[in-house]
Amino acid sequence: MLTFHPYDHIVKENRIFGLGHWFSKRDVHEGDMISITLEDAHARLYRIALDRYVRERQAQETREKLRAAPTDLQAEKELTALSMLTQRRPSSLW
């Protein structure tokens, strides 16, 4: 996992060249966390994910599970997971 920092000619570590359009399209800002996963070593295929979008997708999936929870116990579990994803206390979600 890397933290994005705008280009600085003095600091050259953690640079991913050729992805300027990807960064611009996703409105990446300094301090955003980026995950890079090796998908296929032979094909040199990598997956780059902006953690902000990953958390948003996980929160949406958790909200859907919360709405469809068959029991109060399952709903409480999903509510706790959602509060951790959105960094809020469960009582502030109501």
PDB file of N, CA and C in Angstrom:
ATOM      1  N   MET A   1       0.845  -1.157   0.000  1.00  0.00           N
ATOM      2  CA  MET A   1       0.000   0.000   0.000  1.00  0.00           C
ATOM      3  C   MET A   1       0.900   1.233   0.000  1.00  0.00           C
ATOM      4  N   LEU A   2       0.563   2.181  -0.851  1.00  0.00           N
ATOM      5  CA  LEU A   2       1.348   3.393  -0.971  1.00  0.00           C
ATOM      6  C   LEU A   2       0.480   4.601  -0.678  1.00  0.00           C
ATOM      7  N   THR A   3       1.109   5.658  -0.223  1.00  0.00           N
ATOM      8  CA  THR A   3       0.424   6.931  -0.042  1.00  0.00           C
ATOM      9  C   THR A   3       0.831   7.831  -1.186  1.00  0.00           C
ATOM     10  N   PHE A   4      -0.150   8.432  -1.848  1.00  0.00           N
ATOM     11  CA  PHE A   4       0.118   9.292  -2.988  1.00  0.00           C
ATOM     12  C   PHE A   4       0.689  10.632  -2.544  1.00  0.00           C
ATOM     13  N   HIS A   5       1.761  11.060  -3.228  1.00  0.00           N
ATOM     14  CA  HIS A   5       2.347  12.389  -3.040  1.00  0.00           C
ATOM     15  C   HIS A   5       2.574  12.972  -4.427  1.00  0.00           C
ATOM     16  N   PRO A   6       2.217  14.212  -4.647  1.00  0.00           N
ATOM     17  CA  PRO A   6       2.452  14.828  -5.958  1.00  0.00           C
ATOM     18  C   PRO A   6       3.939  14.794  -6.312  1.00  0.00           C
ATOM     19  N   TYR A   7       4.224  14.918  -7.591  1.00  0.00           N
ATOM     20  CA  TYR A   7       5.599  14.853  -8.063  1.00  0.00           C
ATOM     21  C   TYR A   7       6.471  15.912  -7.419  1.00  0.00           C
ATOM     22  N   ASP A   8       7.625  15.474  -6.976  1.00  0.00           N
ATOM     23  CA  ASP A   8       8.644  16.376  -6.435  1.00  0.00           C
ATOM     24  C   ASP A   8       9.971  15.859  -6.983  1.00  0.00           C
ATOM     25  N   HIS A   9      10.703  16.698  -7.707  1.00  0.00           N
ATOM     26  CA  HIS A   9      11.934  16.247  -8.350  1.00  0.00           C
ATOM     27  C   HIS A   9      12.980  15.772  -7.343  1.00  0.00           C
ATOM     28  N   ILE A  10      12.857  16.138  -6.081  1.00  0.00           N
ATOM     29  CA  ILE A  10      13.808  15.700  -5.063  1.00  0.00           C
ATOM     30  C   ILE A  10      13.485  14.283  -4.583  1.00  0.00           C
ATOM     31  N   VAL A  11      12.192  13.984  -4.424  1.00  0.00           N
ATOM     32  CA  VAL A  11      11.766  12.676  -3.922  1.00  0.00           C
ATOM     33  C   VAL A  11      11.370  11.816  -5.110  1.00  0.00           C
ATOM     34  N   LYS A  12      12.060  10.694  -5.295  1.00  0.00           N
ATOM     35  CA  LYS A  12      11.804   9.853  -6.467  1.00  0.00           C
ATOM     36  C   LYS A  12      11.260   8.474  -6.103  1.00  0.00           C
ATOM     37  N   GLU A  13      11.161   8.134  -4.826  1.00  0.00           N
ATOM     38  CA  GLU A  13      10.664   6.812  -4.473  1.00  0.00           C
ATOM     39  C   GLU A  13       9.148   6.761  -4.594  1.00  0.00           C
ATOM     40  N   ASN A  14       8.612   5.568  -4.746  1.00  0.00           N
ATOM     41  CA  ASN A  14       7.180   5.318  -4.835  1.00  0.00           C
ATOM     42  C   ASN A  14       6.521   6.038  -6.007  1.00  0.00           C
ATOM     43  N   ARG A  15       7.190   6.123  -7.134  1.00  0.00           N
ATOM     44  CA  ARG A  15       6.629   6.775  -8.317  1.00  0.00           C
ATOM     45  C   ARG A  15       6.082   5.712  -9.258  1.00  0.00           C
ATOM     46  N   ILE A  16       4.913   5.977  -9.807  1.00  0.00           N
ATOM     47  CA  ILE A  16       4.314   5.108 -10.813  1.00  0.00           C
ATOM     48  C   ILE A  16       4.130   5.964 -12.052  1.00  0.00           C
ATOM     49  N   PHE A  17       5.021   5.825 -13.001  1.00  0.00           N
ATOM     50  CA  PHE A  17       4.993   6.668 -14.183  1.00  0.00           C
ATOM     51  C   PHE A  17       3.989   6.129 -15.201  1.00  0.00           C
ATOM     52  N   GLY A  18       3.389   7.032 -15.962  1.00  0.00           N
ATOM     53  CA  GLY A  18       2.462   6.644 -17.006  1.00  0.00           C
ATOM     54  C   GLY A  18       1.019   6.529 -16.548  1.00  0.00           C
ATOM     55  N   LEU A  19       0.735   6.895 -15.300  1.00  0.00           N
ATOM     56  CA  LEU A  19      -0.623   6.772 -14.778  1.00  0.00           C
ATOM     57  C   LEU A  19      -1.252   8.124 -14.463  1.00  0.00           C
ATOM     58  N   GLY A  20      -0.746   9.171 -15.039  1.00  0.00           N
ATOM     59  CA  GLY A  20      -1.262  10.505 -14.766  1.00  0.00           C
ATOM     60  C   GLY A  20      -2.750  10.633 -15.065  1.00  0.00           C
ATOM     61  N   HIS A  21      -3.199  10.037 -16.173  1.00  0.00           N
ATOM     62  CA  HIS A  21      -4.620  10.098 -16.532  1.00  0.00           C
ATOM     63  C   HIS A  21      -5.461   9.363 -15.489  1.00  0.00           C
ATOM     64  N   TRP A  22      -4.982   8.212 -15.027  1.00  0.00           N
ATOM     65  CA  TRP A  22      -5.697   7.426 -14.013  1.00  0.00           C
ATOM     66  C   TRP A  22      -5.849   8.239 -12.731  1.00  0.00           C
ATOM     67  N   PHE A  23      -4.775   8.899 -12.314  1.00  0.00           N
ATOM     68  CA  PHE A  23      -4.807   9.718 -11.103  1.00  0.00           C
ATOM     69  C   PHE A  23      -5.756  10.911 -11.270  1.00  0.00           C
ATOM     70  N   SER A  24      -5.709  11.559 -12.428  1.00  0.00           N
ATOM     71  CA  SER A  24      -6.571  12.717 -12.685  1.00  0.00           C
ATOM     72  C   SER A  24      -8.042  12.314 -12.729  1.00  0.00           C
ATOM     73  N   LYS A  25      -8.337  11.226 -13.418  1.00  0.00           N
ATOM     74  CA  LYS A  25      -9.721  10.761 -13.570  1.00  0.00           C
ATOM     75  C   LYS A  25     -10.361  10.436 -12.227  1.00  0.00           C
ATOM     76  N   ARG A  26      -9.572   9.924 -11.296  1.00  0.00           N
ATOM     77  CA  ARG A  26     -10.092   9.522  -9.990  1.00  0.00           C
ATOM     78  C   ARG A  26      -9.907  10.595  -8.916  1.00  0.00           C
ATOM     79  N   ASP A  27      -9.426  11.750  -9.319  1.00  0.00           N
ATOM     80  CA  ASP A  27      -9.257  12.881  -8.413  1.00  0.00           C
ATOM     81  C   ASP A  27      -8.433  12.496  -7.179  1.00  0.00           C
ATOM     82  N   VAL A  28      -7.288  11.855  -7.431  1.00  0.00           N
ATOM     83  CA  VAL A  28      -6.395  11.423  -6.358  1.00  0.00           C
ATOM     84  C   VAL A  28      -5.700  12.642  -5.776  1.00  0.00           C
ATOM     85  N   HIS A  29      -5.695  12.713  -4.448  1.00  0.00           N
ATOM     86  CA  HIS A  29      -5.069  13.831  -3.745  1.00  0.00           C
ATOM     87  C   HIS A  29      -3.924  13.323  -2.888  1.00  0.00           C
ATOM     88  N   GLU A  30      -3.073  14.228  -2.485  1.00  0.00           N
ATOM     89  CA  GLU A  30      -1.960  13.874  -1.622  1.00  0.00           C
ATOM     90  C   GLU A  30      -2.486  13.220  -0.347  1.00  0.00           C
ATOM     91  N   GLY A  31      -1.894  12.091   0.021  1.00  0.00           N
ATOM     92  CA  GLY A  31      -2.297  11.366   1.223  1.00  0.00           C
ATOM     93  C   GLY A  31      -3.267  10.236   0.956  1.00  0.00           C
ATOM     94  N   ASP A  32      -3.884  10.165  -0.250  1.00  0.00           N
ATOM     95  CA  ASP A  32      -4.777   9.050  -0.575  1.00  0.00           C
ATOM     96  C   ASP A  32      -3.971   7.754  -0.601  1.00  0.00           C
ATOM     97  N   MET A  33      -4.597   6.696  -0.127  1.00  0.00           N
ATOM     98  CA  MET A  33      -3.944   5.392  -0.110  1.00  0.00           C
ATOM     99  C   MET A  33      -4.287   4.628  -1.387  1.00  0.00           C
ATOM    100  N   ILE A  34      -3.271   3.988  -1.975  1.00  0.00           N
ATOM    101  CA  ILE A  34      -3.418   3.247  -3.217  1.00  0.00           C
ATOM    102  C   ILE A  34      -2.884   1.842  -2.989  1.00  0.00           C
ATOM    103  N   SER A  35      -3.675   0.832  -3.356  1.00  0.00           N
ATOM    104  CA  SER A  35      -3.238  -0.562  -3.252  1.00  0.00           C
ATOM    105  C   SER A  35      -2.842  -1.060  -4.629  1.00  0.00           C
ATOM    106  N   ILE A  36      -1.703  -1.736  -4.698  1.00  0.00           N
ATOM    107  CA  ILE A  36      -1.236  -2.332  -5.949  1.00  0.00           C
ATOM    108  C   ILE A  36      -1.121  -3.828  -5.712  1.00  0.00           C
ATOM    109  N   THR A  37      -1.859  -4.596  -6.518  1.00  0.00           N
ATOM    110  CA  THR A  37      -1.901  -6.045  -6.356  1.00  0.00           C
ATOM    111  C   THR A  37      -1.402  -6.699  -7.636  1.00  0.00           C
ATOM    112  N   LEU A  38      -0.537  -7.675  -7.498  1.00  0.00           N
ATOM    113  CA  LEU A  38      -0.063  -8.441  -8.650  1.00  0.00           C
ATOM    114  C   LEU A  38      -1.116  -9.478  -8.999  1.00  0.00           C
ATOM    115  N   GLU A  39      -1.720  -9.352 -10.193  1.00  0.00           N
ATOM    116  CA  GLU A  39      -2.767 -10.273 -10.626  1.00  0.00           C
ATOM    117  C   GLU A  39      -2.169 -11.476 -11.364  1.00  0.00           C
ATOM    118  N   ASP A  40      -1.196 -11.233 -12.245  1.00  0.00           N
ATOM    119  CA  ASP A  40      -0.581 -12.297 -13.027  1.00  0.00           C
ATOM    120  C   ASP A  40       0.873 -11.922 -13.294  1.00  0.00           C
ATOM    121  N   ALA A  41       1.786 -12.639 -12.652  1.00  0.00           N
ATOM    122  CA  ALA A  41       3.210 -12.314 -12.768  1.00  0.00           C
ATOM    123  C   ALA A  41       3.727 -12.533 -14.187  1.00  0.00           C
ATOM    124  N   HIS A  42       3.268 -13.593 -14.852  1.00  0.00           N
ATOM    125  CA  HIS A  42       3.767 -13.890 -16.198  1.00  0.00           C
ATOM    126  C   HIS A  42       3.314 -12.843 -17.213  1.00  0.00           C
ATOM    127  N   ALA A  43       2.110 -12.354 -17.080  1.00  0.00           N
ATOM    128  CA  ALA A  43       1.580 -11.343 -17.999  1.00  0.00           C
ATOM    129  C   ALA A  43       1.890  -9.925 -17.520  1.00  0.00           C
ATOM    130  N   ARG A  44       2.545  -9.818 -16.361  1.00  0.00           N
ATOM    131  CA  ARG A  44       2.844  -8.513 -15.751  1.00  0.00           C
ATOM    132  C   ARG A  44       1.564  -7.669 -15.615  1.00  0.00           C
ATOM    133  N   LEU A  45       0.541  -8.310 -15.059  1.00  0.00           N
ATOM    134  CA  LEU A  45      -0.762  -7.679 -14.890  1.00  0.00           C
ATOM    135  C   LEU A  45      -0.941  -7.286 -13.432  1.00  0.00           C
ATOM    136  N   TYR A  46      -1.189  -6.004 -13.209  1.00  0.00           N
ATOM    137  CA  TYR A  46      -1.362  -5.466 -11.869  1.00  0.00           C
ATOM    138  C   TYR A  46      -2.741  -4.836 -11.742  1.00  0.00           C
ATOM    139  N   ARG A  47      -3.263  -4.791 -10.530  1.00  0.00           N
ATOM    140  CA  ARG A  47      -4.513  -4.086 -10.246  1.00  0.00           C
ATOM    141  C   ARG A  47      -4.166  -2.940  -9.301  1.00  0.00           C
ATOM    142  N   ILE A  48      -4.560  -1.744  -9.687  1.00  0.00           N
ATOM    143  CA  ILE A  48      -4.340  -0.560  -8.866  1.00  0.00           C
ATOM    144  C   ILE A  48      -5.697  -0.082  -8.399  1.00  0.00           C
ATOM    145  N   ALA A  49      -5.844   0.078  -7.092  1.00  0.00           N
ATOM    146  CA  ALA A  49      -7.128   0.487  -6.525  1.00  0.00           C
ATOM    147  C   ALA A  49      -6.920   1.641  -5.560  1.00  0.00           C
ATOM    148  N   LEU A  50      -7.755   2.631  -5.698  1.00  0.00           N
ATOM    149  CA  LEU A  50      -7.776   3.749  -4.771  1.00  0.00           C
ATOM    150  C   LEU A  50      -8.608   3.318  -3.575  1.00  0.00           C
ATOM    151  N   ASP A  51      -8.006   3.281  -2.408  1.00  0.00           N
ATOM    152  CA  ASP A  51      -8.665   2.733  -1.221  1.00  0.00           C
ATOM    153  C   ASP A  51      -9.971   3.448  -0.882  1.00  0.00           C
ATOM    154  N   ARG A  52     -10.058   4.715  -1.227  1.00  0.00           N
ATOM    155  CA  ARG A  52     -11.298   5.470  -0.984  1.00  0.00           C
ATOM    156  C   ARG A  52     -12.473   4.804  -1.716  1.00  0.00           C
ATOM    157  N   TYR A  53     -12.262   4.406  -2.980  1.00  0.00           N
ATOM    158  CA  TYR A  53     -13.315   3.759  -3.750  1.00  0.00           C
ATOM    159  C   TYR A  53     -13.597   2.350  -3.236  1.00  0.00           C
ATOM    160  N   VAL A  54     -12.566   1.656  -2.817  1.00  0.00           N
ATOM    161  CA  VAL A  54     -12.754   0.313  -2.264  1.00  0.00           C
ATOM    162  C   VAL A  54     -13.622   0.383  -1.007  1.00  0.00           C
ATOM    163  N   ARG A  55     -13.328   1.336  -0.116  1.00  0.00           N
ATOM    164  CA  ARG A  55     -14.136   1.494   1.109  1.00  0.00           C
ATOM    165  C   ARG A  55     -15.577   1.887   0.787  1.00  0.00           C
ATOM    166  N   GLU A  56     -15.771   2.761  -0.216  1.00  0.00           N
ATOM    167  CA  GLU A  56     -17.122   3.158  -0.611  1.00  0.00           C
ATOM    168  C   GLU A  56     -17.907   1.957  -1.129  1.00  0.00           C
ATOM    169  N   ARG A  57     -17.263   1.115  -1.930  1.00  0.00           N
ATOM    170  CA  ARG A  57     -17.924  -0.086  -2.462  1.00  0.00           C
ATOM    171  C   ARG A  57     -18.254  -1.060  -1.341  1.00  0.00           C
ATOM    172  N   GLN A  58     -17.329  -1.247  -0.403  1.00  0.00           N
ATOM    173  CA  GLN A  58     -17.590  -2.129   0.730  1.00  0.00           C
ATOM    174  C   GLN A  58     -18.730  -1.595   1.594  1.00  0.00           C
ATOM    175  N   ALA A  59     -18.786  -0.287   1.798  1.00  0.00           N
ATOM    176  CA  ALA A  59     -19.859   0.316   2.592  1.00  0.00           C
ATOM    177  C   ALA A  59     -21.208   0.121   1.905  1.00  0.00           C
ATOM    178  N   GLN A  60     -21.252   0.275   0.590  1.00  0.00           N
ATOM    179  CA  GLN A  60     -22.500   0.067  -0.155  1.00  0.00           C
ATOM    180  C   GLN A  60     -22.968  -1.374  -0.038  1.00  0.00           C
ATOM    181  N   GLU A  61     -22.052  -2.333  -0.172  1.00  0.00           N
ATOM    182  CA  GLU A  61     -22.405  -3.753  -0.041  1.00  0.00           C
ATOM    183  C   GLU A  61     -22.909  -4.042   1.373  1.00  0.00           C
ATOM    184  N   THR A  62     -22.280  -3.440   2.370  1.00  0.00           N
ATOM    185  CA  THR A  62     -22.686  -3.648   3.759  1.00  0.00           C
ATOM    186  C   THR A  62     -24.069  -3.049   4.011  1.00  0.00           C
ATOM    187  N   ARG A  63     -24.346  -1.876   3.421  1.00  0.00           N
ATOM    188  CA  ARG A  63     -25.682  -1.271   3.552  1.00  0.00           C
ATOM    189  C   ARG A  63     -26.761  -2.190   2.967  1.00  0.00           C
ATOM    190  N   GLU A  64     -26.454  -2.800   1.816  1.00  0.00           N
ATOM    191  CA  GLU A  64     -27.406  -3.728   1.193  1.00  0.00           C
ATOM    192  C   GLU A  64     -27.641  -4.946   2.091  1.00  0.00           C
ATOM    193  N   LYS A  65     -26.572  -5.467   2.689  1.00  0.00           N
ATOM    194  CA  LYS A  65     -26.717  -6.598   3.610  1.00  0.00           C
ATOM    195  C   LYS A  65     -27.508  -6.193   4.848  1.00  0.00           C
ATOM    196  N   LEU A  66     -27.302  -4.965   5.320  1.00  0.00           N
ATOM    197  CA  LEU A  66     -28.027  -4.466   6.493  1.00  0.00           C
ATOM    198  C   LEU A  66     -29.526  -4.388   6.199  1.00  0.00           C
ATOM    199  N   ARG A  67     -29.880  -3.877   5.032  1.00  0.00           N
ATOM    200  CA  ARG A  67     -31.298  -3.780   4.655  1.00  0.00           C
ATOM    201  C   ARG A  67     -31.953  -5.155   4.552  1.00  0.00           C
ATOM    202  N   ALA A  68     -31.184  -6.144   4.116  1.00  0.00           N
ATOM    203  CA  ALA A  68     -31.730  -7.485   3.896  1.00  0.00           C
ATOM    204  C   ALA A  68     -31.493  -8.428   5.075  1.00  0.00           C
ATOM    205  N   ALA A  69     -30.968  -7.930   6.177  1.00  0.00           N
ATOM    206  CA  ALA A  69     -30.635  -8.792   7.328  1.00  0.00           C
ATOM    207  C   ALA A  69     -31.894  -9.491   7.855  1.00  0.00           C
ATOM    208  N   PRO A  70     -31.845 -10.818   7.975  1.00  0.00           N
ATOM    209  CA  PRO A  70     -33.016 -11.571   8.427  1.00  0.00           C
ATOM    210  C   PRO A  70     -33.227 -11.530   9.939  1.00  0.00           C
ATOM    211  N   THR A  71     -32.173 -11.222  10.689  1.00  0.00           N
ATOM    212  CA  THR A  71     -32.282 -11.200  12.148  1.00  0.00           C
ATOM    213  C   THR A  71     -31.652  -9.935  12.704  1.00  0.00           C
ATOM    214  N   ASP A  72     -32.029  -9.619  13.934  1.00  0.00           N
ATOM    215  CA  ASP A  72     -31.438  -8.455  14.602  1.00  0.00           C
ATOM    216  C   ASP A  72     -29.944  -8.641  14.815  1.00  0.00           C
ATOM    217  N   LEU A  73     -29.526  -9.883  15.094  1.00  0.00           N
ATOM    218  CA  LEU A  73     -28.110 -10.161  15.316  1.00  0.00           C
ATOM    219  C   LEU A  73     -27.302  -9.892  14.042  1.00  0.00           C
ATOM    220  N   GLN A  74     -27.824 -10.335  12.901  1.00  0.00           N
ATOM    221  CA  GLN A  74     -27.136 -10.086  11.627  1.00  0.00           C
ATOM    222  C   GLN A  74     -27.122  -8.590  11.314  1.00  0.00           C
ATOM    223  N   ALA A  75     -28.232  -7.895  11.592  1.00  0.00           N
ATOM    224  CA  ALA A  75     -28.301  -6.452  11.360  1.00  0.00           C
ATOM    225  C   ALA A  75     -27.286  -5.717  12.233  1.00  0.00           C
ATOM    226  N   GLU A  76     -27.143  -6.148  13.475  1.00  0.00           N
ATOM    227  CA  GLU A  76     -26.164  -5.521  14.373  1.00  0.00           C
ATOM    228  C   GLU A  76     -24.748  -5.735  13.859  1.00  0.00           C
ATOM    229  N   LYS A  77     -24.479  -6.929  13.349  1.00  0.00           N
ATOM    230  CA  LYS A  77     -23.155  -7.236  12.797  1.00  0.00           C
ATOM    231  C   LYS A  77     -22.860  -6.323  11.597  1.00  0.00           C
ATOM    232  N   GLU A  78     -23.831  -6.176  10.698  1.00  0.00           N
ATOM    233  CA  GLU A  78     -23.637  -5.329   9.519  1.00  0.00           C
ATOM    234  C   GLU A  78     -23.524  -3.857   9.910  1.00  0.00           C
ATOM    235  N   LEU A  79     -24.289  -3.431  10.900  1.00  0.00           N
ATOM    236  CA  LEU A  79     -24.223  -2.052  11.375  1.00  0.00           C
ATOM    237  C   LEU A  79     -22.852  -1.743  11.971  1.00  0.00           C
ATOM    238  N   THR A  80     -22.307  -2.683  12.709  1.00  0.00           N
ATOM    239  CA  THR A  80     -20.964  -2.516  13.271  1.00  0.00           C
ATOM    240  C   THR A  80     -19.928  -2.428  12.154  1.00  0.00           C
ATOM    241  N   ALA A  81     -20.061  -3.309  11.159  1.00  0.00           N
ATOM    242  CA  ALA A  81     -19.126  -3.283  10.024  1.00  0.00           C
ATOM    243  C   ALA A  81     -19.239  -1.953   9.273  1.00  0.00           C
ATOM    244  N   LEU A  82     -20.460  -1.479   9.077  1.00  0.00           N
ATOM    245  CA  LEU A  82     -20.668  -0.217   8.384  1.00  0.00           C
ATOM    246  C   LEU A  82     -20.089   0.956   9.170  1.00  0.00           C
ATOM    247  N   SER A  83     -20.254   0.923  10.477  1.00  0.00           N
ATOM    248  CA  SER A  83     -19.702   2.011  11.291  1.00  0.00           C
ATOM    249  C   SER A  83     -18.178   2.025  11.236  1.00  0.00           C
ATOM    250  N   MET A  84     -17.559   0.854  11.143  1.00  0.00           N
ATOM    251  CA  MET A  84     -16.101   0.804  11.027  1.00  0.00           C
ATOM    252  C   MET A  84     -15.654   1.321   9.652  1.00  0.00           C
ATOM    253  N   LEU A  85     -16.406   0.972   8.606  1.00  0.00           N
ATOM    254  CA  LEU A  85     -16.052   1.422   7.264  1.00  0.00           C
ATOM    255  C   LEU A  85     -16.215   2.925   7.104  1.00  0.00           C
ATOM    256  N   THR A  86     -17.227   3.483   7.735  1.00  0.00           N
ATOM    257  CA  THR A  86     -17.474   4.914   7.610  1.00  0.00           C
ATOM    258  C   THR A  86     -16.873   5.706   8.754  1.00  0.00           C
ATOM    259  N   GLN A  87     -16.220   5.020   9.676  1.00  0.00           N
ATOM    260  CA  GLN A  87     -15.540   5.615  10.827  1.00  0.00           C
ATOM    261  C   GLN A  87     -16.484   6.451  11.678  1.00  0.00           C
ATOM    262  N   ARG A  88     -17.674   5.906  11.909  1.00  0.00           N
ATOM    263  CA  ARG A  88     -18.646   6.546  12.779  1.00  0.00           C
ATOM    264  C   ARG A  88     -19.050   5.573  13.868  1.00  0.00           C
ATOM    265  N   ARG A  89     -19.566   6.119  14.943  1.00  0.00           N
ATOM    266  CA  ARG A  89     -20.117   5.257  15.991  1.00  0.00           C
ATOM    267  C   ARG A  89     -21.483   4.771  15.535  1.00  0.00           C
ATOM    268  N   PRO A  90     -21.890   3.538  15.868  1.00  0.00           N
ATOM    269  CA  PRO A  90     -23.176   3.021  15.434  1.00  0.00           C
ATOM    270  C   PRO A  90     -24.352   3.918  15.791  1.00  0.00           C
ATOM    271  N   SER A  91     -24.339   4.568  16.962  1.00  0.00           N
ATOM    272  CA  SER A  91     -25.486   5.392  17.371  1.00  0.00           C
ATOM    273  C   SER A  91     -25.640   6.631  16.495  1.00  0.00           C
ATOM    274  N   SER A  92     -24.570   7.087  15.843  1.00  0.00           N
ATOM    275  CA  SER A  92     -24.670   8.293  15.018  1.00  0.00           C
ATOM    276  C   SER A  92     -25.219   7.991  13.627  1.00  0.00           C
ATOM    277  N   LEU A  93     -25.402   6.707  13.287  1.00  0.00           N
ATOM    278  CA  LEU A  93     -25.934   6.354  11.989  1.00  0.00           C
ATOM    279  C   LEU A  93     -27.454   6.462  11.948  1.00  0.00           C
ATOM    280  N   TRP A  94     -28.108   6.518  13.090  1.00  0.00           N
ATOM    281  CA  TRP A  94     -29.573   6.551  13.111  1.00  0.00           C
ATOM    282  C   TRP A  94     -30.030   7.912  13.043  1.00  0.00           C
TER     283      TRP A  94
END
